[in-house]
Amino acid sequence: MSEFKPFEFIEFEWIDDDVIAGYRSGYAGDPEPGSDKSRSFFHGWRNGRVDGGHQPIDAAQQEFARSYVTRSRSY
């Protein structure tokens, strides 16, 4: 189990280029990453799992999406 809790709101300071590698890993159905990966990787992995059809979207991901849309509309 990962040491990271899911993002529930926009925390851009934690998201870096690892998010893409994590997304690809989750999309491919790879197992949950361990503590050797970054929080950004874990975030990408969770979203890739959903988009790859390996798990349904959860409450934390829904809240993150709402937070993103709300923030985007304010710009």
PDB file of N, CA and C in Angstrom:
ATOM      1  N   MET A   1       0.843  -1.178   0.000  1.00  0.00           N
ATOM      2  CA  MET A   1       0.000   0.000   0.000  1.00  0.00           C
ATOM      3  C   MET A   1       0.890   1.244   0.000  1.00  0.00           C
ATOM      4  N   SER A   2       0.492   2.216  -0.753  1.00  0.00           N
ATOM      5  CA  SER A   2       1.277   3.437  -0.877  1.00  0.00           C
ATOM      6  C   SER A   2       1.233   4.257   0.402  1.00  0.00           C
ATOM      7  N   GLU A   3       2.278   5.011   0.622  1.00  0.00           N
ATOM      8  CA  GLU A   3       2.333   5.887   1.789  1.00  0.00           C
ATOM      9  C   GLU A   3       1.592   7.196   1.565  1.00  0.00           C
ATOM     10  N   PHE A   4       1.122   7.428   0.360  1.00  0.00           N
ATOM     11  CA  PHE A   4       0.495   8.699   0.018  1.00  0.00           C
ATOM     12  C   PHE A   4      -1.014   8.612   0.102  1.00  0.00           C
ATOM     13  N   LYS A   5      -1.620   9.687   0.589  1.00  0.00           N
ATOM     14  CA  LYS A   5      -3.076   9.772   0.546  1.00  0.00           C
ATOM     15  C   LYS A   5      -3.454  10.417  -0.787  1.00  0.00           C
ATOM     16  N   PRO A   6      -4.639  10.107  -1.310  1.00  0.00           N
ATOM     17  CA  PRO A   6      -5.065  10.693  -2.589  1.00  0.00           C
ATOM     18  C   PRO A   6      -5.226  12.209  -2.501  1.00  0.00           C
ATOM     19  N   PHE A   7      -4.949  12.865  -3.609  1.00  0.00           N
ATOM     20  CA  PHE A   7      -5.242  14.292  -3.713  1.00  0.00           C
ATOM     21  C   PHE A   7      -6.745  14.472  -3.699  1.00  0.00           C
ATOM     22  N   GLU A   8      -7.245  15.442  -2.962  1.00  0.00           N
ATOM     23  CA  GLU A   8      -8.663  15.760  -2.979  1.00  0.00           C
ATOM     24  C   GLU A   8      -8.904  17.185  -3.434  1.00  0.00           C
ATOM     25  N   PHE A   9      -7.851  17.963  -3.553  1.00  0.00           N
ATOM     26  CA  PHE A   9      -7.966  19.322  -4.048  1.00  0.00           C
ATOM     27  C   PHE A   9      -6.678  19.659  -4.783  1.00  0.00           C
ATOM     28  N   ILE A  10      -6.683  20.738  -5.483  1.00  0.00           N
ATOM     29  CA  ILE A  10      -5.545  21.107  -6.313  1.00  0.00           C
ATOM     30  C   ILE A  10      -4.320  21.387  -5.444  1.00  0.00           C
ATOM     31  N   GLU A  11      -3.293  20.621  -5.674  1.00  0.00           N
ATOM     32  CA  GLU A  11      -2.012  20.816  -4.988  1.00  0.00           C
ATOM     33  C   GLU A  11      -0.916  20.776  -6.052  1.00  0.00           C
ATOM     34  N   PHE A  12      -0.881  21.788  -6.896  1.00  0.00           N
ATOM     35  CA  PHE A  12       0.027  21.763  -8.027  1.00  0.00           C
ATOM     36  C   PHE A  12       1.496  21.632  -7.643  1.00  0.00           C
ATOM     37  N   GLU A  13       1.847  22.070  -6.443  1.00  0.00           N
ATOM     38  CA  GLU A  13       3.247  21.980  -6.047  1.00  0.00           C
ATOM     39  C   GLU A  13       3.726  20.530  -5.934  1.00  0.00           C
ATOM     40  N   TRP A  14       2.804  19.587  -5.803  1.00  0.00           N
ATOM     41  CA  TRP A  14       3.165  18.174  -5.708  1.00  0.00           C
ATOM     42  C   TRP A  14       3.191  17.481  -7.061  1.00  0.00           C
ATOM     43  N   ILE A  15       2.615  18.075  -8.072  1.00  0.00           N
ATOM     44  CA  ILE A  15       2.499  17.420  -9.372  1.00  0.00           C
ATOM     45  C   ILE A  15       3.673  17.825 -10.253  1.00  0.00           C
ATOM     46  N   ASP A  16       4.418  16.823 -10.720  1.00  0.00           N
ATOM     47  CA  ASP A  16       5.552  17.077 -11.596  1.00  0.00           C
ATOM     48  C   ASP A  16       5.528  16.076 -12.749  1.00  0.00           C
ATOM     49  N   ASP A  17       6.633  15.929 -13.438  1.00  0.00           N
ATOM     50  CA  ASP A  17       6.679  15.055 -14.613  1.00  0.00           C
ATOM     51  C   ASP A  17       6.430  13.583 -14.292  1.00  0.00           C
ATOM     52  N   ASP A  18       6.587  13.177 -13.040  1.00  0.00           N
ATOM     53  CA  ASP A  18       6.310  11.788 -12.661  1.00  0.00           C
ATOM     54  C   ASP A  18       4.852  11.416 -12.871  1.00  0.00           C
ATOM     55  N   VAL A  19       3.975  12.406 -12.920  1.00  0.00           N
ATOM     56  CA  VAL A  19       2.552  12.134 -13.072  1.00  0.00           C
ATOM     57  C   VAL A  19       2.277  11.391 -14.383  1.00  0.00           C
ATOM     58  N   ILE A  20       3.031  11.680 -15.415  1.00  0.00           N
ATOM     59  CA  ILE A  20       2.832  11.032 -16.719  1.00  0.00           C
ATOM     60  C   ILE A  20       3.246   9.563 -16.650  1.00  0.00           C
ATOM     61  N   ALA A  21       4.403   9.294 -16.050  1.00  0.00           N
ATOM     62  CA  ALA A  21       4.854   7.909 -15.903  1.00  0.00           C
ATOM     63  C   ALA A  21       3.870   7.125 -15.036  1.00  0.00           C
ATOM     64  N   GLY A  22       3.373   7.762 -13.972  1.00  0.00           N
ATOM     65  CA  GLY A  22       2.394   7.109 -13.109  1.00  0.00           C
ATOM     66  C   GLY A  22       1.100   6.805 -13.844  1.00  0.00           C
ATOM     67  N   TYR A  23       0.650   7.767 -14.651  1.00  0.00           N
ATOM     68  CA  TYR A  23      -0.576   7.568 -15.421  1.00  0.00           C
ATOM     69  C   TYR A  23      -0.434   6.363 -16.351  1.00  0.00           C
ATOM     70  N   ARG A  24       0.674   6.299 -17.043  1.00  0.00           N
ATOM     71  CA  ARG A  24       0.910   5.176 -17.968  1.00  0.00           C
ATOM     72  C   ARG A  24       0.936   3.849 -17.221  1.00  0.00           C
ATOM     73  N   SER A  25       1.540   3.849 -16.046  1.00  0.00           N
ATOM     74  CA  SER A  25       1.610   2.639 -15.232  1.00  0.00           C
ATOM     75  C   SER A  25       0.209   2.201 -14.787  1.00  0.00           C
ATOM     76  N   GLY A  26      -0.573   3.141 -14.296  1.00  0.00           N
ATOM     77  CA  GLY A  26      -1.934   2.816 -13.871  1.00  0.00           C
ATOM     78  C   GLY A  26      -2.814   2.388 -15.028  1.00  0.00           C
ATOM     79  N   TYR A  27      -2.676   3.064 -16.151  1.00  0.00           N
ATOM     80  CA  TYR A  27      -3.470   2.735 -17.337  1.00  0.00           C
ATOM     81  C   TYR A  27      -3.184   1.306 -17.801  1.00  0.00           C
ATOM     82  N   ALA A  28      -1.917   0.908 -17.667  1.00  0.00           N
ATOM     83  CA  ALA A  28      -1.514  -0.440 -18.078  1.00  0.00           C
ATOM     84  C   ALA A  28      -1.965  -1.509 -17.096  1.00  0.00           C
ATOM     85  N   GLY A  29      -2.433  -1.081 -15.909  1.00  0.00           N
ATOM     86  CA  GLY A  29      -2.899  -2.040 -14.918  1.00  0.00           C
ATOM     87  C   GLY A  29      -1.809  -2.513 -13.970  1.00  0.00           C
ATOM     88  N   ASP A  30      -0.711  -1.788 -13.914  1.00  0.00           N
ATOM     89  CA  ASP A  30       0.371  -2.153 -13.002  1.00  0.00           C
ATOM     90  C   ASP A  30      -0.107  -2.072 -11.554  1.00  0.00           C
ATOM     91  N   PRO A  31       0.518  -2.842 -10.660  1.00  0.00           N
ATOM     92  CA  PRO A  31       0.114  -2.796  -9.244  1.00  0.00           C
ATOM     93  C   PRO A  31       0.437  -1.452  -8.598  1.00  0.00           C
ATOM     94  N   GLU A  32      -0.187  -1.200  -7.456  1.00  0.00           N
ATOM     95  CA  GLU A  32      -0.001   0.061  -6.739  1.00  0.00           C
ATOM     96  C   GLU A  32       1.484   0.298  -6.455  1.00  0.00           C
ATOM     97  N   PRO A  33       1.952   1.502  -6.745  1.00  0.00           N
ATOM     98  CA  PRO A  33       3.367   1.798  -6.512  1.00  0.00           C
ATOM     99  C   PRO A  33       3.689   1.856  -5.028  1.00  0.00           C
ATOM    100  N   GLY A  34       4.940   1.586  -4.729  1.00  0.00           N
ATOM    101  CA  GLY A  34       5.399   1.636  -3.343  1.00  0.00           C
ATOM    102  C   GLY A  34       6.026   2.971  -3.006  1.00  0.00           C
ATOM    103  N   SER A  35       6.703   2.994  -1.885  1.00  0.00           N
ATOM    104  CA  SER A  35       7.293   4.235  -1.399  1.00  0.00           C
ATOM    105  C   SER A  35       8.506   4.681  -2.203  1.00  0.00           C
ATOM    106  N   ASP A  36       8.918   3.875  -3.172  1.00  0.00           N
ATOM    107  CA  ASP A  36      10.032   4.286  -4.027  1.00  0.00           C
ATOM    108  C   ASP A  36       9.582   5.248  -5.130  1.00  0.00           C
ATOM    109  N   LYS A  37       8.291   5.492  -5.220  1.00  0.00           N
ATOM    110  CA  LYS A  37       7.734   6.424  -6.212  1.00  0.00           C
ATOM    111  C   LYS A  37       7.268   7.695  -5.515  1.00  0.00           C
ATOM    112  N   SER A  38       7.110   8.763  -6.288  1.00  0.00           N
ATOM    113  CA  SER A  38       6.703  10.056  -5.731  1.00  0.00           C
ATOM    114  C   SER A  38       5.181  10.148  -5.574  1.00  0.00           C
ATOM    115  N   ARG A  39       4.758  11.158  -4.841  1.00  0.00           N
ATOM    116  CA  ARG A  39       3.323  11.411  -4.689  1.00  0.00           C
ATOM    117  C   ARG A  39       2.699  11.753  -6.040  1.00  0.00           C
ATOM    118  N   SER A  40       3.447  12.456  -6.870  1.00  0.00           N
ATOM    119  CA  SER A  40       2.974  12.799  -8.205  1.00  0.00           C
ATOM    120  C   SER A  40       2.744  11.531  -9.035  1.00  0.00           C
ATOM    121  N   PHE A  41       3.673  10.584  -8.958  1.00  0.00           N
ATOM    122  CA  PHE A  41       3.526   9.309  -9.662  1.00  0.00           C
ATOM    123  C   PHE A  41       2.257   8.608  -9.191  1.00  0.00           C
ATOM    124  N   PHE A  42       2.059   8.572  -7.861  1.00  0.00           N
ATOM    125  CA  PHE A  42       0.883   7.922  -7.291  1.00  0.00           C
ATOM    126  C   PHE A  42      -0.404   8.568  -7.799  1.00  0.00           C
ATOM    127  N   HIS A  43      -0.430   9.892  -7.877  1.00  0.00           N
ATOM    128  CA  HIS A  43      -1.606  10.604  -8.392  1.00  0.00           C
ATOM    129  C   HIS A  43      -1.882  10.197  -9.847  1.00  0.00           C
ATOM    130  N   GLY A  44      -0.849  10.191 -10.669  1.00  0.00           N
ATOM    131  CA  GLY A  44      -1.015   9.771 -12.060  1.00  0.00           C
ATOM    132  C   GLY A  44      -1.466   8.328 -12.173  1.00  0.00           C
ATOM    133  N   TRP A  45      -0.906   7.461 -11.337  1.00  0.00           N
ATOM    134  CA  TRP A  45      -1.261   6.043 -11.351  1.00  0.00           C
ATOM    135  C   TRP A  45      -2.742   5.857 -11.043  1.00  0.00           C
ATOM    136  N   ARG A  46      -3.246   6.587 -10.040  1.00  0.00           N
ATOM    137  CA  ARG A  46      -4.668   6.474  -9.684  1.00  0.00           C
ATOM    138  C   ARG A  46      -5.569   6.887 -10.846  1.00  0.00           C
ATOM    139  N   ASN A  47      -5.222   7.976 -11.512  1.00  0.00           N
ATOM    140  CA  ASN A  47      -6.037   8.429 -12.638  1.00  0.00           C
ATOM    141  C   ASN A  47      -5.930   7.487 -13.826  1.00  0.00           C
ATOM    142  N   GLY A  48      -4.748   6.949 -14.062  1.00  0.00           N
ATOM    143  CA  GLY A  48      -4.577   5.969 -15.133  1.00  0.00           C
ATOM    144  C   GLY A  48      -5.385   4.713 -14.890  1.00  0.00           C
ATOM    145  N   ARG A  49      -5.475   4.283 -13.627  1.00  0.00           N
ATOM    146  CA  ARG A  49      -6.277   3.096 -13.288  1.00  0.00           C
ATOM    147  C   ARG A  49      -7.736   3.308 -13.666  1.00  0.00           C
ATOM    148  N   VAL A  50      -8.251   4.488 -13.391  1.00  0.00           N
ATOM    149  CA  VAL A  50      -9.647   4.788 -13.719  1.00  0.00           C
ATOM    150  C   VAL A  50      -9.827   4.839 -15.239  1.00  0.00           C
ATOM    151  N   ASP A  51      -8.975   5.600 -15.915  1.00  0.00           N
ATOM    152  CA  ASP A  51      -9.113   5.736 -17.367  1.00  0.00           C
ATOM    153  C   ASP A  51      -8.872   4.421 -18.098  1.00  0.00           C
ATOM    154  N   GLY A  52      -8.057   3.540 -17.516  1.00  0.00           N
ATOM    155  CA  GLY A  52      -7.794   2.239 -18.113  1.00  0.00           C
ATOM    156  C   GLY A  52      -8.876   1.213 -17.812  1.00  0.00           C
ATOM    157  N   GLY A  53      -9.874   1.592 -17.016  1.00  0.00           N
ATOM    158  CA  GLY A  53     -10.980   0.692 -16.702  1.00  0.00           C
ATOM    159  C   GLY A  53     -10.658  -0.334 -15.626  1.00  0.00           C
ATOM    160  N   HIS A  54      -9.619  -0.092 -14.835  1.00  0.00           N
ATOM    161  CA  HIS A  54      -9.214  -1.051 -13.800  1.00  0.00           C
ATOM    162  C   HIS A  54      -9.887  -0.805 -12.462  1.00  0.00           C
ATOM    163  N   GLN A  55     -10.454   0.388 -12.270  1.00  0.00           N
ATOM    164  CA  GLN A  55     -11.183   0.693 -11.042  1.00  0.00           C
ATOM    165  C   GLN A  55     -12.102   1.877 -11.296  1.00  0.00           C
ATOM    166  N   PRO A  56     -13.201   1.969 -10.553  1.00  0.00           N
ATOM    167  CA  PRO A  56     -14.093   3.129 -10.707  1.00  0.00           C
ATOM    168  C   PRO A  56     -13.494   4.361 -10.043  1.00  0.00           C
ATOM    169  N   ILE A  57     -13.924   5.513 -10.493  1.00  0.00           N
ATOM    170  CA  ILE A  57     -13.481   6.765  -9.874  1.00  0.00           C
ATOM    171  C   ILE A  57     -13.978   6.794  -8.436  1.00  0.00           C
ATOM    172  N   ASP A  58     -13.140   7.296  -7.531  1.00  0.00           N
ATOM    173  CA  ASP A  58     -13.541   7.343  -6.125  1.00  0.00           C
ATOM    174  C   ASP A  58     -13.843   8.785  -5.705  1.00  0.00           C
ATOM    175  N   ALA A  59     -14.262   8.945  -4.459  1.00  0.00           N
ATOM    176  CA  ALA A  59     -14.684  10.257  -3.960  1.00  0.00           C
ATOM    177  C   ALA A  59     -13.547  11.279  -3.997  1.00  0.00           C
ATOM    178  N   ALA A  60     -12.332  10.867  -3.668  1.00  0.00           N
ATOM    179  CA  ALA A  60     -11.197  11.799  -3.683  1.00  0.00           C
ATOM    180  C   ALA A  60     -10.926  12.302  -5.105  1.00  0.00           C
ATOM    181  N   GLN A  61     -11.015  11.424  -6.081  1.00  0.00           N
ATOM    182  CA  GLN A  61     -10.793  11.835  -7.470  1.00  0.00           C
ATOM    183  C   GLN A  61     -11.917  12.747  -7.958  1.00  0.00           C
ATOM    184  N   GLN A  62     -13.136  12.469  -7.552  1.00  0.00           N
ATOM    185  CA  GLN A  62     -14.252  13.342  -7.930  1.00  0.00           C
ATOM    186  C   GLN A  62     -14.081  14.730  -7.329  1.00  0.00           C
ATOM    187  N   GLU A  63     -13.661  14.799  -6.073  1.00  0.00           N
ATOM    188  CA  GLU A  63     -13.454  16.093  -5.425  1.00  0.00           C
ATOM    189  C   GLU A  63     -12.298  16.846  -6.077  1.00  0.00           C
ATOM    190  N   PHE A  64     -11.251  16.137  -6.449  1.00  0.00           N
ATOM    191  CA  PHE A  64     -10.130  16.769  -7.138  1.00  0.00           C
ATOM    192  C   PHE A  64     -10.604  17.385  -8.460  1.00  0.00           C
ATOM    193  N   ALA A  65     -11.414  16.650  -9.201  1.00  0.00           N
ATOM    194  CA  ALA A  65     -11.932  17.156 -10.477  1.00  0.00           C
ATOM    195  C   ALA A  65     -12.799  18.396 -10.263  1.00  0.00           C
ATOM    196  N   ARG A  66     -13.657  18.359  -9.248  1.00  0.00           N
ATOM    197  CA  ARG A  66     -14.486  19.534  -8.946  1.00  0.00           C
ATOM    198  C   ARG A  66     -13.615  20.733  -8.581  1.00  0.00           C
ATOM    199  N   SER A  67     -12.595  20.501  -7.782  1.00  0.00           N
ATOM    200  CA  SER A  67     -11.684  21.559  -7.376  1.00  0.00           C
ATOM    201  C   SER A  67     -10.961  22.156  -8.581  1.00  0.00           C
ATOM    202  N   TYR A  68     -10.540  21.288  -9.492  1.00  0.00           N
ATOM    203  CA  TYR A  68      -9.840  21.745 -10.699  1.00  0.00           C
ATOM    204  C   TYR A  68     -10.754  22.620 -11.557  1.00  0.00           C
ATOM    205  N   VAL A  69     -11.990  22.162 -11.781  1.00  0.00           N
ATOM    206  CA  VAL A  69     -12.926  22.918 -12.608  1.00  0.00           C
ATOM    207  C   VAL A  69     -13.238  24.264 -11.952  1.00  0.00           C
ATOM    208  N   THR A  70     -13.478  24.257 -10.662  1.00  0.00           N
ATOM    209  CA  THR A  70     -13.768  25.512  -9.948  1.00  0.00           C
ATOM    210  C   THR A  70     -12.600  26.486 -10.071  1.00  0.00           C
ATOM    211  N   ARG A  71     -11.411  26.004  -9.877  1.00  0.00           N
ATOM    212  CA  ARG A  71     -10.226  26.863  -9.976  1.00  0.00           C
ATOM    213  C   ARG A  71     -10.035  27.373 -11.399  1.00  0.00           C
ATOM    214  N   SER A  72     -10.248  26.513 -12.387  1.00  0.00           N
ATOM    215  CA  SER A  72     -10.093  26.909 -13.792  1.00  0.00           C
ATOM    216  C   SER A  72     -11.075  27.991 -14.188  1.00  0.00           C
ATOM    217  N   ARG A  73     -12.285  27.908 -13.664  1.00  0.00           N
ATOM    218  CA  ARG A  73     -13.317  28.903 -13.999  1.00  0.00           C
ATOM    219  C   ARG A  73     -13.009  30.269 -13.425  1.00  0.00           C
ATOM    220  N   SER A  74     -12.200  30.316 -12.376  1.00  0.00           N
ATOM    221  CA  SER A  74     -11.880  31.599 -11.754  1.00  0.00           C
ATOM    222  C   SER A  74     -10.775  32.348 -12.483  1.00  0.00           C
ATOM    223  N   TYR A  75     -10.152  31.715 -13.468  1.00  0.00           N
ATOM    224  CA  TYR A  75      -9.065  32.395 -14.207  1.00  0.00           C
ATOM    225  C   TYR A  75      -9.563  33.060 -15.440  1.00  0.00           C
TER     226      TYR A  75
END
